């Protein structure tokens, strides 16, 4: 399996700065992408990874058969990624709780509009989100990363824990997702 590091983002997005009076910020760990093959079309500003794609990112791990990264202009942020075929995303929330999302297609979008930031992952093709609390399925599941919320159309849920167990006690309420 060929090993390809996603340094394109650093090179094309201008993350490095030569200024000496810049306040130092924490360095984010690199995102690594491994696949059987890859094509980079700098004219179309796309990177396409094929076959056994595995993405290791500090915030999540993703597996799929095809990954299309729409590369931003030098002064822009990465704002569109599509993971296609047998998509599996393993991630943790800010409290360390883990979850797994699966589907045929996952589309990541980042957009700032009218001063509001929208950062979403939309799962389609038999989407499912599974955590220790339960399983959520639907026609479409949208994860609003900015607000840490899930939204589903035609949802079906299976709860693994009794939601009433914390009523009338000092126990913390159960977090669904």
C-alpha atoms as a PDB file:
ATOM      1  CA  UNK A   1       0.000   0.000   0.000  1.00  0.00           C
ATOM      2  CA  UNK A   2       1.451   3.321  -1.006  1.00  0.00           C
ATOM      3  CA  UNK A   3       1.811   5.845   1.785  1.00  0.00           C
ATOM      4  CA  UNK A   4       0.804   9.382   0.915  1.00  0.00           C
ATOM      5  CA  UNK A   5       0.904  12.236   3.444  1.00  0.00           C
ATOM      6  CA  UNK A   6      -1.555  15.059   3.005  1.00  0.00           C
ATOM      7  CA  UNK A   7       1.055  17.783   2.943  1.00  0.00           C
ATOM      8  CA  UNK A   8      -0.737  19.305  -0.022  1.00  0.00           C
ATOM      9  CA  UNK A   9      -2.978  21.098   2.415  1.00  0.00           C
ATOM     10  CA  UNK A  10       0.017  22.693   4.067  1.00  0.00           C
ATOM     11  CA  UNK A  11       1.615  23.657   0.761  1.00  0.00           C
ATOM     12  CA  UNK A  12      -1.528  24.901  -0.980  1.00  0.00           C
ATOM     13  CA  UNK A  13      -3.247  26.508   1.985  1.00  0.00           C
ATOM     14  CA  UNK A  14      -0.245  28.527   3.081  1.00  0.00           C
ATOM     15  CA  UNK A  15      -0.181  27.251   6.637  1.00  0.00           C
ATOM     16  CA  UNK A  16       3.498  28.030   7.085  1.00  0.00           C
ATOM     17  CA  UNK A  17       4.299  31.653   7.828  1.00  0.00           C
ATOM     18  CA  UNK A  18       7.643  33.433   7.616  1.00  0.00           C
ATOM     19  CA  UNK A  19       6.651  36.333   9.891  1.00  0.00           C
ATOM     20  CA  UNK A  20       8.638  36.709  13.096  1.00  0.00           C
ATOM     21  CA  UNK A  21       5.980  38.588  15.083  1.00  0.00           C
ATOM     22  CA  UNK A  22       3.279  35.922  14.778  1.00  0.00           C
ATOM     23  CA  UNK A  23       1.850  34.526  18.025  1.00  0.00           C
ATOM     24  CA  UNK A  24       2.717  30.838  18.272  1.00  0.00           C
ATOM     25  CA  UNK A  25      -0.216  28.446  18.308  1.00  0.00           C
ATOM     26  CA  UNK A  26      -0.380  24.736  19.029  1.00  0.00           C
ATOM     27  CA  UNK A  27       0.794  22.631  16.119  1.00  0.00           C
ATOM     28  CA  UNK A  28      -1.939  20.301  14.904  1.00  0.00           C
ATOM     29  CA  UNK A  29      -0.831  16.758  14.187  1.00  0.00           C
ATOM     30  CA  UNK A  30      -0.675  15.863  10.495  1.00  0.00           C
ATOM     31  CA  UNK A  31      -3.399  14.034   8.639  1.00  0.00           C
ATOM     32  CA  UNK A  32      -2.136  10.893   6.898  1.00  0.00           C
ATOM     33  CA  UNK A  33      -3.825   9.252   3.913  1.00  0.00           C
ATOM     34  CA  UNK A  34      -2.922   5.753   2.693  1.00  0.00           C
ATOM     35  CA  UNK A  35      -4.386   4.163  -0.455  1.00  0.00           C
ATOM     36  CA  UNK A  36      -3.565   1.808  -3.313  1.00  0.00           C
ATOM     37  CA  UNK A  37      -3.323   4.694  -5.801  1.00  0.00           C
ATOM     38  CA  UNK A  38      -3.846   8.444  -6.057  1.00  0.00           C
ATOM     39  CA  UNK A  39      -4.270  11.076  -8.739  1.00  0.00           C
ATOM     40  CA  UNK A  40      -3.612  14.781  -8.244  1.00  0.00           C
ATOM     41  CA  UNK A  41      -5.142  17.219 -10.720  1.00  0.00           C
ATOM     42  CA  UNK A  42      -3.847  20.648  -9.765  1.00  0.00           C
ATOM     43  CA  UNK A  43      -5.809  22.315 -12.588  1.00  0.00           C
ATOM     44  CA  UNK A  44      -9.092  20.931 -11.255  1.00  0.00           C
ATOM     45  CA  UNK A  45      -7.737  21.290  -7.681  1.00  0.00           C
ATOM     46  CA  UNK A  46      -8.610  17.700  -6.759  1.00  0.00           C
ATOM     47  CA  UNK A  47      -6.826  14.827  -5.075  1.00  0.00           C
ATOM     48  CA  UNK A  48      -8.481  11.450  -5.688  1.00  0.00           C
ATOM     49  CA  UNK A  49      -7.427   8.398  -3.678  1.00  0.00           C
ATOM     50  CA  UNK A  50      -8.450   4.909  -4.848  1.00  0.00           C
ATOM     51  CA  UNK A  51      -8.525   1.505  -3.166  1.00  0.00           C
ATOM     52  CA  UNK A  52      -8.340   0.698   0.527  1.00  0.00           C
ATOM     53  CA  UNK A  53      -8.271   4.356   1.531  1.00  0.00           C
ATOM     54  CA  UNK A  54      -7.411   4.940   5.191  1.00  0.00           C
ATOM     55  CA  UNK A  55      -7.284   8.432   6.684  1.00  0.00           C
ATOM     56  CA  UNK A  56      -5.683   8.894  10.101  1.00  0.00           C
ATOM     57  CA  UNK A  57      -6.518  12.285  11.536  1.00  0.00           C
ATOM     58  CA  UNK A  58      -6.198  13.498  15.136  1.00  0.00           C
ATOM     59  CA  UNK A  59     -10.009  13.837  15.318  1.00  0.00           C
ATOM     60  CA  UNK A  60     -11.069  10.675  13.493  1.00  0.00           C
ATOM     61  CA  UNK A  61     -10.173   7.646  11.413  1.00  0.00           C
ATOM     62  CA  UNK A  62     -11.872   7.105   8.060  1.00  0.00           C
ATOM     63  CA  UNK A  63     -11.910   4.121   5.699  1.00  0.00           C
ATOM     64  CA  UNK A  64     -13.472   3.980   2.225  1.00  0.00           C
ATOM     65  CA  UNK A  65     -12.795   2.827  -1.332  1.00  0.00           C
ATOM     66  CA  UNK A  66     -12.543   6.293  -2.937  1.00  0.00           C
ATOM     67  CA  UNK A  67     -11.790   9.683  -1.425  1.00  0.00           C
ATOM     68  CA  UNK A  68     -12.076  12.961  -3.342  1.00  0.00           C
ATOM     69  CA  UNK A  69     -10.492  16.017  -1.725  1.00  0.00           C
ATOM     70  CA  UNK A  70     -11.416  19.336  -3.340  1.00  0.00           C
ATOM     71  CA  UNK A  71      -8.279  21.398  -2.761  1.00  0.00           C
ATOM     72  CA  UNK A  72      -8.820  25.015  -1.692  1.00  0.00           C
ATOM     73  CA  UNK A  73      -7.123  28.111  -3.018  1.00  0.00           C
ATOM     74  CA  UNK A  74      -4.001  29.209  -1.124  1.00  0.00           C
ATOM     75  CA  UNK A  75      -5.887  31.609   1.177  1.00  0.00           C
ATOM     76  CA  UNK A  76      -8.871  29.337   1.837  1.00  0.00           C
ATOM     77  CA  UNK A  77      -9.680  26.488   4.196  1.00  0.00           C
ATOM     78  CA  UNK A  78     -10.349  22.907   3.088  1.00  0.00           C
ATOM     79  CA  UNK A  79     -14.134  22.907   2.647  1.00  0.00           C
ATOM     80  CA  UNK A  80     -15.290  19.881   0.616  1.00  0.00           C
ATOM     81  CA  UNK A  81     -14.372  16.184   0.866  1.00  0.00           C
ATOM     82  CA  UNK A  82     -16.291  13.145  -0.380  1.00  0.00           C
ATOM     83  CA  UNK A  83     -15.697   9.618   0.925  1.00  0.00           C
ATOM     84  CA  UNK A  84     -17.331   7.032  -1.319  1.00  0.00           C
ATOM     85  CA  UNK A  85     -18.182   3.320  -1.049  1.00  0.00           C
ATOM     86  CA  UNK A  86     -18.041   1.359   2.224  1.00  0.00           C
ATOM     87  CA  UNK A  87     -17.450   4.441   4.349  1.00  0.00           C
ATOM     88  CA  UNK A  88     -16.501   3.872   8.009  1.00  0.00           C
ATOM     89  CA  UNK A  89     -15.720   6.808  10.302  1.00  0.00           C
ATOM     90  CA  UNK A  90     -14.522   6.272  13.875  1.00  0.00           C
ATOM     91  CA  UNK A  91     -14.446   9.411  16.011  1.00  0.00           C
ATOM     92  CA  UNK A  92     -14.450  10.669  19.598  1.00  0.00           C
ATOM     93  CA  UNK A  93     -16.277  13.621  21.069  1.00  0.00           C
ATOM     94  CA  UNK A  94     -14.718  16.230  23.383  1.00  0.00           C
ATOM     95  CA  UNK A  95     -15.371  13.940  26.360  1.00  0.00           C
ATOM     96  CA  UNK A  96     -13.655  10.885  24.868  1.00  0.00           C
ATOM     97  CA  UNK A  97     -16.845   8.986  24.005  1.00  0.00           C
ATOM     98  CA  UNK A  98     -16.374   7.037  20.788  1.00  0.00           C
ATOM     99  CA  UNK A  99     -18.793   6.467  17.932  1.00  0.00           C
ATOM    100  CA  UNK A 100     -18.782   4.833  14.507  1.00  0.00           C
ATOM    101  CA  UNK A 101     -20.585   6.180  11.442  1.00  0.00           C
ATOM    102  CA  UNK A 102     -21.076   4.113   8.284  1.00  0.00           C
ATOM    103  CA  UNK A 103     -22.713   4.608   4.890  1.00  0.00           C
ATOM    104  CA  UNK A 104     -22.138   4.557   1.148  1.00  0.00           C
ATOM    105  CA  UNK A 105     -21.288   8.247   0.923  1.00  0.00           C
ATOM    106  CA  UNK A 106     -20.021  10.833   3.408  1.00  0.00           C
ATOM    107  CA  UNK A 107     -19.778  14.459   2.288  1.00  0.00           C
ATOM    108  CA  UNK A 108     -17.873  16.957   4.443  1.00  0.00           C
ATOM    109  CA  UNK A 109     -18.727  20.649   3.948  1.00  0.00           C
ATOM    110  CA  UNK A 110     -17.349  23.740   5.632  1.00  0.00           C
ATOM    111  CA  UNK A 111     -19.039  27.049   4.824  1.00  0.00           C
ATOM    112  CA  UNK A 112     -19.130  30.494   6.395  1.00  0.00           C
ATOM    113  CA  UNK A 113     -22.282  32.307   5.356  1.00  0.00           C
ATOM    114  CA  UNK A 114     -23.696  35.554   6.796  1.00  0.00           C
ATOM    115  CA  UNK A 115     -21.196  35.347   9.645  1.00  0.00           C
ATOM    116  CA  UNK A 116     -22.271  31.830  10.644  1.00  0.00           C
ATOM    117  CA  UNK A 117     -19.981  28.827  10.337  1.00  0.00           C
ATOM    118  CA  UNK A 118     -21.509  25.575   9.114  1.00  0.00           C
ATOM    119  CA  UNK A 119     -19.407  22.420   9.309  1.00  0.00           C
ATOM    120  CA  UNK A 120     -21.291  19.228   8.467  1.00  0.00           C
ATOM    121  CA  UNK A 121     -20.816  15.607   7.479  1.00  0.00           C
ATOM    122  CA  UNK A 122     -23.781  14.191   5.555  1.00  0.00           C
ATOM    123  CA  UNK A 123     -24.084  10.392   5.423  1.00  0.00           C
ATOM    124  CA  UNK A 124     -26.277   8.661   2.846  1.00  0.00           C
ATOM    125  CA  UNK A 125     -26.652   5.134   1.486  1.00  0.00           C
ATOM    126  CA  UNK A 126     -27.863   3.181   4.544  1.00  0.00           C
ATOM    127  CA  UNK A 127     -26.259   5.564   7.036  1.00  0.00           C
ATOM    128  CA  UNK A 128     -25.803   4.416  10.608  1.00  0.00           C
ATOM    129  CA  UNK A 129     -24.263   6.051  13.669  1.00  0.00           C
ATOM    130  CA  UNK A 130     -23.454   3.751  16.559  1.00  0.00           C
ATOM    131  CA  UNK A 131     -22.302   4.649  20.060  1.00  0.00           C
ATOM    132  CA  UNK A 132     -22.458   3.011  23.475  1.00  0.00           C
ATOM    133  CA  UNK A 133     -25.850   4.668  23.984  1.00  0.00           C
ATOM    134  CA  UNK A 134     -27.439   3.241  20.836  1.00  0.00           C
ATOM    135  CA  UNK A 135     -27.787   3.109  17.063  1.00  0.00           C
ATOM    136  CA  UNK A 136     -29.280   5.759  14.777  1.00  0.00           C
ATOM    137  CA  UNK A 137     -30.219   4.965  11.177  1.00  0.00           C
ATOM    138  CA  UNK A 138     -32.195   6.872   8.564  1.00  0.00           C
ATOM    139  CA  UNK A 139     -32.366   7.879   4.936  1.00  0.00           C
ATOM    140  CA  UNK A 140     -29.837  10.608   5.644  1.00  0.00           C
ATOM    141  CA  UNK A 141     -27.871  11.482   8.779  1.00  0.00           C
ATOM    142  CA  UNK A 142     -26.305  14.912   9.094  1.00  0.00           C
ATOM    143  CA  UNK A 143     -23.668  15.546  11.738  1.00  0.00           C
ATOM    144  CA  UNK A 144     -23.410  19.254  12.551  1.00  0.00           C
ATOM    145  CA  UNK A 145     -19.843  19.327  13.832  1.00  0.00           C
ATOM    146  CA  UNK A 146     -19.970  22.967  14.909  1.00  0.00           C
ATOM    147  CA  UNK A 147     -22.899  22.365  17.257  1.00  0.00           C
ATOM    148  CA  UNK A 148     -22.175  18.662  17.903  1.00  0.00           C
ATOM    149  CA  UNK A 149     -25.685  17.612  16.837  1.00  0.00           C
ATOM    150  CA  UNK A 150     -27.121  14.849  14.695  1.00  0.00           C
ATOM    151  CA  UNK A 151     -30.146  15.239  12.445  1.00  0.00           C
ATOM    152  CA  UNK A 152     -31.789  12.389  10.530  1.00  0.00           C
ATOM    153  CA  UNK A 153     -34.575  11.961   8.011  1.00  0.00           C
ATOM    154  CA  UNK A 154     -36.811   8.905   8.477  1.00  0.00           C
ATOM    155  CA  UNK A 155     -34.902   8.060  11.684  1.00  0.00           C
ATOM    156  CA  UNK A 156     -34.925   4.759  13.495  1.00  0.00           C
ATOM    157  CA  UNK A 157     -33.255   4.493  16.883  1.00  0.00           C
ATOM    158  CA  UNK A 158     -32.276   1.625  19.124  1.00  0.00           C
ATOM    159  CA  UNK A 159     -31.348   2.598  22.683  1.00  0.00           C
ATOM    160  CA  UNK A 160     -28.952   0.382  24.577  1.00  0.00           C
ATOM    161  CA  UNK A 161     -29.580   2.038  27.936  1.00  0.00           C
ATOM    162  CA  UNK A 162     -32.804   2.783  29.775  1.00  0.00           C
ATOM    163  CA  UNK A 163     -33.318   6.526  29.258  1.00  0.00           C
ATOM    164  CA  UNK A 164     -35.393   6.705  32.446  1.00  0.00           C
ATOM    165  CA  UNK A 165     -32.654   5.339  34.671  1.00  0.00           C
ATOM    166  CA  UNK A 166     -31.409   8.798  35.666  1.00  0.00           C
ATOM    167  CA  UNK A 167     -34.844  10.275  36.506  1.00  0.00           C
ATOM    168  CA  UNK A 168     -35.193  10.895  40.237  1.00  0.00           C
ATOM    169  CA  UNK A 169     -31.534  10.151  40.968  1.00  0.00           C
ATOM    170  CA  UNK A 170     -28.328  12.128  41.148  1.00  0.00           C
ATOM    171  CA  UNK A 171     -26.945  10.332  38.104  1.00  0.00           C
ATOM    172  CA  UNK A 172     -25.868  12.422  35.138  1.00  0.00           C
ATOM    173  CA  UNK A 173     -28.334  12.397  32.242  1.00  0.00           C
ATOM    174  CA  UNK A 174     -27.543  10.009  29.414  1.00  0.00           C
ATOM    175  CA  UNK A 175     -26.069  11.681  26.365  1.00  0.00           C
ATOM    176  CA  UNK A 176     -27.742  10.185  23.284  1.00  0.00           C
ATOM    177  CA  UNK A 177     -24.997  11.119  20.796  1.00  0.00           C
END
